[in-house]
């Protein structure tokens, strides 16, 4: 696949996953919505699976690997708080945030 655009979000940038509940087939886990993480890497462009699920020709959308600490997801009670979880999240679910 030929890349046609540069990543909008840089590796290492903090992001928040949108806390929305649109109808239909979506590709963002509930437990990560509204949580903050860091872009681990850009995985390139691919067809938007939220459109492909309905048999509609999909626009190309950028996919990122986002890293969360257990504390990012579960709060101060996370055990151990230093463990991480990586999730592949499409750009339409991400919004920039400032590091805390």
N, C-alpha and C. Protein backbone atom coordinates (compact mmCIF):
# COMPACT_ATOMS: atom_id res chain seq x y z
N UNK A 1 0.84 -1.16 0.00
CA UNK A 1 0.00 0.00 0.00
C UNK A 1 0.89 1.23 0.00
N UNK A 2 0.58 2.21 -0.82
CA UNK A 2 1.35 3.44 -0.92
C UNK A 2 0.80 4.45 0.06
N UNK A 3 1.69 5.02 0.87
CA UNK A 3 1.27 6.05 1.81
C UNK A 3 1.01 7.34 1.04
N UNK A 4 -0.11 7.98 1.31
CA UNK A 4 -0.46 9.21 0.61
C UNK A 4 -0.42 10.43 1.51
N UNK A 5 -0.25 10.24 2.80
CA UNK A 5 -0.20 11.37 3.70
C UNK A 5 0.68 11.03 4.89
N UNK A 6 1.15 12.08 5.53
CA UNK A 6 1.98 11.90 6.72
C UNK A 6 1.07 11.71 7.93
N UNK A 7 1.58 11.02 8.95
CA UNK A 7 0.79 10.85 10.17
C UNK A 7 0.45 12.21 10.78
N UNK A 8 -0.78 12.36 11.22
CA UNK A 8 -1.21 13.61 11.86
C UNK A 8 -0.74 13.68 13.31
N UNK A 9 -0.45 12.52 13.89
CA UNK A 9 -0.06 12.46 15.30
C UNK A 9 1.32 11.80 15.37
N UNK A 10 2.25 12.45 16.04
CA UNK A 10 3.62 11.96 16.13
C UNK A 10 3.76 10.84 17.16
N UNK A 11 4.71 9.96 16.91
CA UNK A 11 5.06 8.93 17.89
C UNK A 11 5.46 9.62 19.19
N UNK A 12 4.95 9.11 20.30
CA UNK A 12 5.24 9.68 21.61
C UNK A 12 4.24 10.74 22.06
N UNK A 13 3.35 11.15 21.18
CA UNK A 13 2.36 12.19 21.53
C UNK A 13 1.27 11.61 22.43
N UNK A 14 0.86 12.37 23.45
CA UNK A 14 -0.26 11.92 24.28
C UNK A 14 -1.57 12.12 23.55
N UNK A 15 -2.48 11.17 23.70
CA UNK A 15 -3.80 11.23 23.07
C UNK A 15 -4.86 10.75 24.05
N UNK A 16 -6.10 11.17 23.79
CA UNK A 16 -7.25 10.67 24.53
C UNK A 16 -8.17 10.00 23.53
N UNK A 17 -8.72 8.86 23.89
CA UNK A 17 -9.71 8.22 23.05
C UNK A 17 -11.05 8.89 23.29
N UNK A 18 -11.78 9.15 22.22
CA UNK A 18 -13.07 9.81 22.36
C UNK A 18 -14.00 8.95 23.19
N UNK A 19 -14.77 9.62 24.03
CA UNK A 19 -15.73 8.93 24.89
C UNK A 19 -17.11 9.10 24.27
N UNK A 20 -17.34 8.37 23.17
CA UNK A 20 -18.59 8.44 22.44
C UNK A 20 -19.14 7.03 22.26
N UNK A 21 -20.41 6.95 21.94
CA UNK A 21 -21.05 5.65 21.73
C UNK A 21 -21.91 5.72 20.46
N UNK A 22 -21.24 5.80 19.30
CA UNK A 22 -22.01 5.86 18.06
C UNK A 22 -22.71 4.52 17.80
N UNK A 23 -23.80 4.56 17.07
CA UNK A 23 -24.50 3.30 16.75
C UNK A 23 -23.71 2.49 15.74
N UNK A 24 -23.98 1.20 15.70
CA UNK A 24 -23.40 0.35 14.67
C UNK A 24 -22.09 -0.30 15.07
N UNK A 25 -21.38 -0.74 14.06
CA UNK A 25 -20.13 -1.48 14.22
C UNK A 25 -18.98 -0.49 14.43
N UNK A 26 -18.36 -0.52 15.60
CA UNK A 26 -17.22 0.37 15.87
C UNK A 26 -16.02 -0.45 16.32
N UNK A 27 -14.84 0.14 16.19
CA UNK A 27 -13.60 -0.58 16.45
C UNK A 27 -12.79 0.08 17.57
N UNK A 28 -13.45 0.37 18.67
CA UNK A 28 -12.76 0.95 19.83
C UNK A 28 -13.33 0.30 21.08
N UNK A 29 -12.49 -0.37 21.87
CA UNK A 29 -13.00 -1.04 23.07
C UNK A 29 -13.63 -0.06 24.06
N UNK A 30 -14.75 -0.46 24.66
CA UNK A 30 -15.44 0.38 25.63
C UNK A 30 -14.52 0.80 26.77
N UNK A 31 -13.75 -0.13 27.29
CA UNK A 31 -12.95 0.17 28.48
C UNK A 31 -11.82 1.16 28.21
N UNK A 32 -11.53 1.47 26.94
CA UNK A 32 -10.51 2.46 26.61
C UNK A 32 -11.09 3.84 26.26
N UNK A 33 -12.38 3.91 26.02
CA UNK A 33 -12.98 5.19 25.64
C UNK A 33 -12.85 6.19 26.78
N UNK A 34 -12.38 7.38 26.44
CA UNK A 34 -12.16 8.44 27.43
C UNK A 34 -10.82 8.36 28.14
N UNK A 35 -10.05 7.31 27.88
CA UNK A 35 -8.76 7.12 28.54
C UNK A 35 -7.64 7.80 27.75
N UNK A 36 -6.53 8.10 28.43
CA UNK A 36 -5.39 8.71 27.77
C UNK A 36 -4.26 7.69 27.64
N UNK A 37 -3.52 7.84 26.56
CA UNK A 37 -2.36 6.99 26.29
C UNK A 37 -1.36 7.77 25.47
N UNK A 38 -0.40 7.05 24.92
CA UNK A 38 0.67 7.66 24.14
C UNK A 38 0.80 6.89 22.83
N UNK A 39 0.99 7.61 21.73
CA UNK A 39 1.21 6.95 20.45
C UNK A 39 2.52 6.18 20.49
N UNK A 40 2.44 4.87 20.32
CA UNK A 40 3.62 4.01 20.32
C UNK A 40 4.21 3.94 18.92
N UNK A 41 3.33 3.87 17.91
CA UNK A 41 3.80 3.88 16.52
C UNK A 41 2.64 4.08 15.55
N UNK A 42 3.00 4.55 14.36
CA UNK A 42 2.06 4.71 13.25
C UNK A 42 2.07 3.40 12.48
N UNK A 43 0.90 2.84 12.21
CA UNK A 43 0.79 1.57 11.49
C UNK A 43 0.34 1.76 10.04
N UNK A 44 0.21 3.01 9.61
CA UNK A 44 -0.12 3.29 8.22
C UNK A 44 -1.60 3.41 7.95
N UNK A 45 -1.91 3.50 6.66
CA UNK A 45 -3.28 3.68 6.20
C UNK A 45 -3.91 2.34 5.86
N UNK A 46 -5.20 2.24 6.11
CA UNK A 46 -5.97 1.05 5.78
C UNK A 46 -7.43 1.46 5.57
N UNK A 47 -8.22 0.58 4.99
CA UNK A 47 -9.64 0.88 4.83
C UNK A 47 -10.33 0.98 6.18
N UNK A 48 -11.23 1.92 6.32
CA UNK A 48 -11.95 2.12 7.57
C UNK A 48 -12.88 0.94 7.83
N UNK A 49 -12.59 0.11 8.85
CA UNK A 49 -13.42 -1.08 9.10
C UNK A 49 -14.83 -0.75 9.56
N UNK A 50 -15.04 0.45 10.08
CA UNK A 50 -16.38 0.84 10.52
C UNK A 50 -17.29 1.07 9.32
N UNK A 51 -16.71 1.30 8.16
CA UNK A 51 -17.48 1.42 6.92
C UNK A 51 -17.49 0.08 6.18
N UNK A 52 -16.35 -0.59 6.15
CA UNK A 52 -16.25 -1.89 5.46
C UNK A 52 -17.24 -2.91 6.03
N UNK A 53 -17.55 -2.81 7.31
CA UNK A 53 -18.47 -3.75 7.96
C UNK A 53 -19.85 -3.74 7.31
N UNK A 54 -20.18 -2.64 6.65
CA UNK A 54 -21.48 -2.52 6.01
C UNK A 54 -21.42 -2.71 4.50
N UNK A 55 -20.26 -3.17 4.01
CA UNK A 55 -20.10 -3.44 2.59
C UNK A 55 -19.97 -2.19 1.74
N UNK A 56 -19.64 -1.09 2.37
CA UNK A 56 -19.47 0.19 1.67
C UNK A 56 -17.99 0.41 1.40
N UNK A 57 -17.67 0.96 0.24
CA UNK A 57 -16.27 1.26 -0.06
C UNK A 57 -15.73 2.20 1.01
N UNK A 58 -14.61 1.86 1.57
CA UNK A 58 -14.09 2.59 2.72
C UNK A 58 -12.99 3.57 2.33
N UNK A 59 -13.04 4.72 2.97
CA UNK A 59 -11.94 5.68 2.83
C UNK A 59 -10.73 5.12 3.57
N UNK A 60 -9.56 5.57 3.20
CA UNK A 60 -8.34 5.17 3.90
C UNK A 60 -8.25 5.98 5.19
N UNK A 61 -7.89 5.31 6.26
CA UNK A 61 -7.79 5.94 7.57
C UNK A 61 -6.53 5.42 8.25
N UNK A 62 -5.89 6.28 9.02
CA UNK A 62 -4.63 5.90 9.66
C UNK A 62 -4.90 5.11 10.94
N UNK A 63 -4.09 4.09 11.13
CA UNK A 63 -4.15 3.23 12.31
C UNK A 63 -2.90 3.47 13.15
N UNK A 64 -3.09 3.62 14.45
CA UNK A 64 -1.98 3.84 15.37
C UNK A 64 -1.98 2.75 16.44
N UNK A 65 -0.81 2.45 16.96
CA UNK A 65 -0.72 1.63 18.16
C UNK A 65 -0.57 2.61 19.33
N UNK A 66 -1.49 2.52 20.28
CA UNK A 66 -1.52 3.42 21.43
C UNK A 66 -1.19 2.61 22.68
N UNK A 67 -0.27 3.13 23.48
CA UNK A 67 0.15 2.44 24.72
C UNK A 67 -0.49 3.11 25.93
N UNK A 68 -1.07 2.28 26.77
CA UNK A 68 -1.70 2.73 28.01
C UNK A 68 -1.00 2.04 29.17
N UNK A 69 -0.83 2.74 30.28
CA UNK A 69 -0.39 2.06 31.50
C UNK A 69 -1.66 1.54 32.18
N UNK A 70 -1.49 0.56 33.04
CA UNK A 70 -2.64 0.06 33.79
C UNK A 70 -3.28 1.19 34.61
N UNK A 71 -2.44 2.11 35.11
CA UNK A 71 -2.97 3.24 35.86
C UNK A 71 -3.82 4.13 34.96
N UNK A 72 -3.41 4.31 33.67
CA UNK A 72 -4.22 5.08 32.71
C UNK A 72 -5.61 4.49 32.58
N UNK A 73 -5.69 3.17 32.59
CA UNK A 73 -6.97 2.49 32.35
C UNK A 73 -7.78 2.30 33.63
N UNK A 74 -7.14 1.79 34.67
CA UNK A 74 -7.88 1.37 35.87
C UNK A 74 -7.70 2.28 37.07
N UNK A 75 -6.86 3.30 36.96
CA UNK A 75 -6.67 4.24 38.07
C UNK A 75 -5.62 3.78 39.06
N UNK A 76 -5.62 4.42 40.21
CA UNK A 76 -4.57 4.18 41.22
C UNK A 76 -4.58 2.78 41.79
N UNK A 77 -5.67 2.04 41.63
CA UNK A 77 -5.74 0.68 42.17
C UNK A 77 -5.13 -0.37 41.25
N UNK A 78 -4.62 0.06 40.09
CA UNK A 78 -4.03 -0.89 39.13
C UNK A 78 -2.85 -1.60 39.77
N UNK A 79 -2.76 -2.91 39.50
CA UNK A 79 -1.69 -3.71 40.10
C UNK A 79 -1.11 -4.63 39.05
N UNK A 80 0.13 -4.55 38.67
CA UNK A 80 1.01 -3.43 38.99
C UNK A 80 0.78 -2.26 38.04
N UNK A 81 0.88 -1.06 38.56
CA UNK A 81 0.59 0.15 37.80
C UNK A 81 1.57 0.34 36.64
N UNK A 82 2.72 -0.32 36.69
CA UNK A 82 3.74 -0.13 35.65
C UNK A 82 3.49 -0.98 34.40
N UNK A 83 2.60 -1.98 34.46
CA UNK A 83 2.30 -2.79 33.29
C UNK A 83 1.62 -1.92 32.23
N UNK A 84 1.76 -2.35 30.97
CA UNK A 84 1.15 -1.59 29.88
C UNK A 84 0.26 -2.47 29.02
N UNK A 85 -0.59 -1.82 28.25
CA UNK A 85 -1.45 -2.48 27.28
C UNK A 85 -1.33 -1.66 25.99
N UNK A 86 -1.09 -2.32 24.87
CA UNK A 86 -1.07 -1.65 23.56
C UNK A 86 -2.34 -2.02 22.82
N UNK A 87 -2.97 -1.02 22.20
CA UNK A 87 -4.18 -1.24 21.42
C UNK A 87 -4.03 -0.53 20.08
N UNK A 88 -4.53 -1.16 19.03
CA UNK A 88 -4.50 -0.55 17.70
C UNK A 88 -5.80 0.21 17.52
N UNK A 89 -5.66 1.53 17.38
CA UNK A 89 -6.80 2.44 17.38
C UNK A 89 -6.76 3.31 16.12
N UNK A 90 -7.91 3.45 15.47
CA UNK A 90 -7.99 4.28 14.28
C UNK A 90 -8.04 5.76 14.65
N UNK A 91 -7.48 6.58 13.75
CA UNK A 91 -7.32 8.01 13.99
C UNK A 91 -8.63 8.73 14.33
N UNK A 92 -9.74 8.29 13.77
CA UNK A 92 -11.00 8.96 14.04
C UNK A 92 -11.45 8.84 15.51
N UNK A 93 -10.82 7.96 16.28
CA UNK A 93 -11.13 7.80 17.70
C UNK A 93 -10.20 8.60 18.61
N UNK A 94 -9.20 9.25 18.03
CA UNK A 94 -8.17 9.91 18.84
C UNK A 94 -8.31 11.42 18.83
N UNK A 95 -8.01 12.03 19.96
CA UNK A 95 -7.92 13.49 20.05
C UNK A 95 -6.67 13.83 20.83
N UNK A 96 -5.99 14.91 20.42
CA UNK A 96 -4.76 15.28 21.12
C UNK A 96 -5.06 15.71 22.55
N UNK A 97 -4.10 15.53 23.41
CA UNK A 97 -4.22 15.98 24.79
C UNK A 97 -2.84 16.46 25.22
N UNK A 98 -2.76 17.00 26.39
CA UNK A 98 -1.48 17.46 26.92
C UNK A 98 -1.03 16.47 27.96
N UNK A 99 0.27 16.22 28.01
CA UNK A 99 0.82 15.30 29.02
C UNK A 99 0.51 15.86 30.40
N UNK A 100 0.15 14.97 31.32
CA UNK A 100 -0.16 15.43 32.68
C UNK A 100 1.04 15.35 33.57
